[in-house]
Amino acid sequence: MATRRLRYALWQHRRSLKRQAVAQESAAERLFGLAEILATAGRPEPARRLEKIALRFRVKAICLTARAEAVDWRARAWQPARQSFGSDGR
């Protein structure tokens, strides 16, 4: 029972991390779009600042995705080993 609860908690945590990563990535895309608009409007300095901020958002998304994958790996490590009780291939 505890293992099932733990796996469920890990699954929820992984899902939360993935959602946060998607939100960070979409925010980065919006900021890149705004930076492009600023650059075409003749405001290169604010555009560069927005691009730097967008890159930080993208890096955060990558880190969150990596953490989610680590949680997924941990959840698989908690699964009991499955044994086959049939023919052993002889």
N, C-alpha and C. Protein backbone atom coordinates (compact mmCIF):
# COMPACT_ATOMS: atom_id res chain seq x y z
N MET A 1 0.82 -1.19 0.00
CA MET A 1 0.00 0.00 0.00
C MET A 1 0.86 1.26 0.00
N ALA A 2 1.91 1.24 0.82
CA ALA A 2 2.79 2.41 0.88
C ALA A 2 3.49 2.63 -0.45
N THR A 3 3.85 1.54 -1.11
CA THR A 3 4.51 1.67 -2.40
C THR A 3 3.58 2.30 -3.41
N ARG A 4 2.32 1.91 -3.40
CA ARG A 4 1.35 2.47 -4.33
C ARG A 4 1.18 3.97 -4.07
N ARG A 5 1.10 4.34 -2.79
CA ARG A 5 0.97 5.76 -2.45
C ARG A 5 2.20 6.55 -2.88
N LEU A 6 3.35 5.95 -2.68
CA LEU A 6 4.58 6.61 -3.07
C LEU A 6 4.64 6.80 -4.58
N ARG A 7 4.29 5.76 -5.32
CA ARG A 7 4.29 5.88 -6.78
C ARG A 7 3.30 6.95 -7.24
N TYR A 8 2.14 7.01 -6.59
CA TYR A 8 1.14 8.01 -6.95
C TYR A 8 1.66 9.41 -6.63
N ALA A 9 2.30 9.58 -5.49
CA ALA A 9 2.86 10.89 -5.13
C ALA A 9 3.96 11.30 -6.11
N LEU A 10 4.80 10.34 -6.50
CA LEU A 10 5.84 10.64 -7.47
C LEU A 10 5.25 10.99 -8.83
N TRP A 11 4.19 10.29 -9.22
CA TRP A 11 3.53 10.58 -10.48
C TRP A 11 2.95 11.99 -10.46
N GLN A 12 2.33 12.38 -9.35
CA GLN A 12 1.78 13.72 -9.23
C GLN A 12 2.89 14.77 -9.29
N HIS A 13 3.99 14.49 -8.62
CA HIS A 13 5.11 15.43 -8.63
C HIS A 13 5.68 15.58 -10.04
N ARG A 14 5.82 14.45 -10.73
CA ARG A 14 6.33 14.49 -12.10
C ARG A 14 5.40 15.28 -13.00
N ARG A 15 4.11 15.05 -12.86
CA ARG A 15 3.12 15.77 -13.67
C ARG A 15 3.19 17.27 -13.40
N SER A 16 3.34 17.63 -12.14
CA SER A 16 3.46 19.04 -11.78
C SER A 16 4.71 19.66 -12.40
N LEU A 17 5.82 18.95 -12.34
CA LEU A 17 7.05 19.47 -12.94
C LEU A 17 6.92 19.63 -14.44
N LYS A 18 6.28 18.65 -15.09
CA LYS A 18 6.09 18.75 -16.54
C LYS A 18 5.21 19.94 -16.90
N ARG A 19 4.15 20.16 -16.13
CA ARG A 19 3.28 21.31 -16.39
C ARG A 19 4.04 22.61 -16.22
N GLN A 20 4.86 22.69 -15.17
CA GLN A 20 5.65 23.89 -14.97
C GLN A 20 6.63 24.11 -16.12
N ALA A 21 7.21 23.03 -16.62
CA ALA A 21 8.14 23.13 -17.74
C ALA A 21 7.43 23.64 -18.99
N VAL A 22 6.24 23.14 -19.24
CA VAL A 22 5.47 23.60 -20.41
C VAL A 22 5.13 25.08 -20.26
N ALA A 23 4.76 25.50 -19.06
CA ALA A 23 4.43 26.90 -18.82
C ALA A 23 5.66 27.78 -19.04
N GLN A 24 6.82 27.34 -18.57
CA GLN A 24 8.05 28.11 -18.76
C GLN A 24 8.39 28.22 -20.24
N GLU A 25 8.23 27.12 -20.96
CA GLU A 25 8.56 27.13 -22.39
C GLU A 25 7.61 28.04 -23.17
N SER A 26 6.33 27.99 -22.85
CA SER A 26 5.38 28.85 -23.57
C SER A 26 5.62 30.33 -23.22
N ALA A 27 6.00 30.62 -21.98
CA ALA A 27 6.33 32.00 -21.62
C ALA A 27 7.57 32.46 -22.39
N ALA A 28 8.55 31.58 -22.54
CA ALA A 28 9.75 31.92 -23.31
C ALA A 28 9.39 32.23 -24.76
N GLU A 29 8.51 31.42 -25.34
CA GLU A 29 8.10 31.67 -26.73
C GLU A 29 7.41 33.02 -26.87
N ARG A 30 6.55 33.35 -25.91
CA ARG A 30 5.88 34.66 -25.96
C ARG A 30 6.88 35.80 -25.84
N LEU A 31 7.86 35.63 -24.95
CA LEU A 31 8.87 36.67 -24.79
C LEU A 31 9.73 36.81 -26.05
N PHE A 32 10.06 35.70 -26.70
CA PHE A 32 10.80 35.78 -27.95
C PHE A 32 9.98 36.52 -29.01
N GLY A 33 8.68 36.26 -29.05
CA GLY A 33 7.82 36.96 -29.99
C GLY A 33 7.78 38.46 -29.72
N LEU A 34 7.67 38.82 -28.44
CA LEU A 34 7.68 40.24 -28.09
C LEU A 34 9.02 40.89 -28.43
N ALA A 35 10.11 40.16 -28.21
CA ALA A 35 11.43 40.68 -28.54
C ALA A 35 11.56 40.92 -30.04
N GLU A 36 10.99 40.02 -30.83
CA GLU A 36 11.03 40.19 -32.29
C GLU A 36 10.25 41.43 -32.70
N ILE A 37 9.10 41.65 -32.07
CA ILE A 37 8.30 42.83 -32.37
C ILE A 37 9.07 44.10 -32.01
N LEU A 38 9.72 44.09 -30.84
CA LEU A 38 10.52 45.25 -30.44
C LEU A 38 11.67 45.50 -31.40
N ALA A 39 12.32 44.43 -31.85
CA ALA A 39 13.44 44.58 -32.77
C ALA A 39 12.99 45.17 -34.10
N THR A 40 11.85 44.72 -34.60
CA THR A 40 11.36 45.27 -35.87
C THR A 40 10.84 46.69 -35.71
N ALA A 41 10.47 47.07 -34.49
CA ALA A 41 10.00 48.44 -34.23
C ALA A 41 11.16 49.40 -33.98
N GLY A 42 12.38 48.91 -34.06
CA GLY A 42 13.54 49.77 -33.89
C GLY A 42 13.99 49.93 -32.45
N ARG A 43 13.68 48.97 -31.61
CA ARG A 43 14.11 49.01 -30.20
C ARG A 43 14.99 47.79 -29.90
N PRO A 44 16.24 47.81 -30.38
CA PRO A 44 17.09 46.61 -30.23
C PRO A 44 17.52 46.32 -28.79
N GLU A 45 17.75 47.35 -27.98
CA GLU A 45 18.22 47.10 -26.60
C GLU A 45 17.16 46.41 -25.74
N PRO A 46 15.92 46.92 -25.71
CA PRO A 46 14.89 46.18 -24.96
C PRO A 46 14.65 44.78 -25.53
N ALA A 47 14.80 44.63 -26.85
CA ALA A 47 14.62 43.32 -27.46
C ALA A 47 15.68 42.34 -26.95
N ARG A 48 16.92 42.81 -26.85
CA ARG A 48 18.00 41.94 -26.34
C ARG A 48 17.74 41.55 -24.89
N ARG A 49 17.26 42.51 -24.09
CA ARG A 49 16.96 42.18 -22.69
C ARG A 49 15.85 41.13 -22.60
N LEU A 50 14.83 41.29 -23.43
CA LEU A 50 13.75 40.29 -23.42
C LEU A 50 14.25 38.92 -23.88
N GLU A 51 15.14 38.91 -24.85
CA GLU A 51 15.70 37.63 -25.30
C GLU A 51 16.49 36.95 -24.19
N LYS A 52 17.24 37.73 -23.41
CA LYS A 52 17.99 37.14 -22.29
C LYS A 52 17.03 36.55 -21.26
N ILE A 53 15.96 37.27 -20.97
CA ILE A 53 14.96 36.77 -20.02
C ILE A 53 14.31 35.49 -20.56
N ALA A 54 14.00 35.51 -21.87
CA ALA A 54 13.38 34.34 -22.49
C ALA A 54 14.31 33.13 -22.43
N LEU A 55 15.60 33.36 -22.61
CA LEU A 55 16.55 32.25 -22.51
C LEU A 55 16.59 31.68 -21.10
N ARG A 56 16.47 32.54 -20.09
CA ARG A 56 16.42 32.04 -18.72
C ARG A 56 15.17 31.18 -18.50
N PHE A 57 14.05 31.60 -19.08
CA PHE A 57 12.83 30.81 -18.99
C PHE A 57 13.03 29.45 -19.66
N ARG A 58 13.67 29.46 -20.81
CA ARG A 58 13.89 28.21 -21.53
C ARG A 58 14.81 27.27 -20.76
N VAL A 59 15.86 27.82 -20.14
CA VAL A 59 16.76 27.00 -19.33
C VAL A 59 16.01 26.41 -18.14
N LYS A 60 15.16 27.21 -17.52
CA LYS A 60 14.36 26.72 -16.39
C LYS A 60 13.46 25.58 -16.85
N ALA A 61 12.88 25.70 -18.06
CA ALA A 61 12.03 24.63 -18.59
C ALA A 61 12.83 23.35 -18.79
N ILE A 62 14.05 23.48 -19.27
CA ILE A 62 14.91 22.30 -19.48
C ILE A 62 15.23 21.65 -18.14
N CYS A 63 15.54 22.47 -17.14
CA CYS A 63 15.84 21.93 -15.80
C CYS A 63 14.63 21.23 -15.19
N LEU A 64 13.46 21.81 -15.36
CA LEU A 64 12.24 21.19 -14.82
C LEU A 64 11.95 19.87 -15.52
N THR A 65 12.19 19.82 -16.83
CA THR A 65 11.98 18.58 -17.57
C THR A 65 12.96 17.51 -17.08
N ALA A 66 14.20 17.90 -16.84
CA ALA A 66 15.19 16.94 -16.34
C ALA A 66 14.79 16.44 -14.95
N ARG A 67 14.30 17.32 -14.10
CA ARG A 67 13.86 16.90 -12.77
C ARG A 67 12.68 15.94 -12.88
N ALA A 68 11.77 16.22 -13.82
CA ALA A 68 10.62 15.33 -14.00
C ALA A 68 11.07 13.95 -14.46
N GLU A 69 12.05 13.91 -15.34
CA GLU A 69 12.57 12.62 -15.80
C GLU A 69 13.26 11.88 -14.66
N ALA A 70 13.94 12.61 -13.79
CA ALA A 70 14.59 11.97 -12.63
C ALA A 70 13.54 11.39 -11.69
N VAL A 71 12.44 12.11 -11.51
CA VAL A 71 11.36 11.60 -10.66
C VAL A 71 10.75 10.36 -11.30
N ASP A 72 10.61 10.39 -12.61
CA ASP A 72 10.07 9.22 -13.32
C ASP A 72 11.01 8.02 -13.16
N TRP A 73 12.30 8.26 -13.22
CA TRP A 73 13.26 7.18 -13.05
C TRP A 73 13.15 6.62 -11.63
N ARG A 74 13.02 7.52 -10.64
CA ARG A 74 12.89 7.07 -9.25
C ARG A 74 11.62 6.25 -9.05
N ALA A 75 10.55 6.66 -9.71
CA ALA A 75 9.29 5.92 -9.58
C ALA A 75 9.43 4.51 -10.14
N ARG A 76 10.16 4.37 -11.23
CA ARG A 76 10.36 3.04 -11.80
C ARG A 76 11.25 2.20 -10.90
N ALA A 77 12.18 2.84 -10.20
CA ALA A 77 13.06 2.09 -9.30
C ALA A 77 12.28 1.53 -8.12
N TRP A 78 11.15 2.16 -7.78
CA TRP A 78 10.34 1.68 -6.66
C TRP A 78 9.42 0.54 -7.04
N GLN A 79 9.27 0.29 -8.33
CA GLN A 79 8.38 -0.79 -8.74
C GLN A 79 9.03 -2.13 -8.40
N PRO A 80 8.25 -3.05 -7.91
CA PRO A 80 8.83 -4.35 -7.57
C PRO A 80 9.27 -5.09 -8.83
N ALA A 81 10.30 -5.87 -8.70
CA ALA A 81 10.80 -6.66 -9.83
C ALA A 81 9.76 -7.72 -10.17
N ARG A 82 9.51 -7.87 -11.45
CA ARG A 82 8.52 -8.86 -11.89
C ARG A 82 9.24 -10.14 -12.29
N GLN A 83 8.73 -11.22 -11.80
CA GLN A 83 9.31 -12.51 -12.14
C GLN A 83 8.33 -13.27 -13.01
N SER A 84 8.86 -13.97 -13.96
CA SER A 84 7.98 -14.78 -14.80
C SER A 84 7.94 -16.19 -14.21
N PHE A 85 6.74 -16.68 -14.07
CA PHE A 85 6.54 -18.03 -13.53
C PHE A 85 6.00 -18.93 -14.65
N GLY A 86 6.74 -19.12 -15.61
CA GLY A 86 6.32 -19.98 -16.71
C GLY A 86 7.51 -20.79 -17.17
N SER A 87 7.53 -21.01 -18.46
CA SER A 87 8.69 -21.73 -18.98
C SER A 87 9.90 -20.80 -18.88
N ASP A 88 11.02 -21.38 -18.58
CA ASP A 88 12.22 -20.57 -18.40
C ASP A 88 13.06 -20.53 -19.67
N GLY A 89 12.48 -20.91 -20.79
CA GLY A 89 13.15 -20.82 -22.08
C GLY A 89 14.13 -21.95 -22.37
N ARG A 90 13.98 -23.08 -21.68
CA ARG A 90 14.88 -24.21 -21.95
C ARG A 90 14.33 -25.07 -23.03
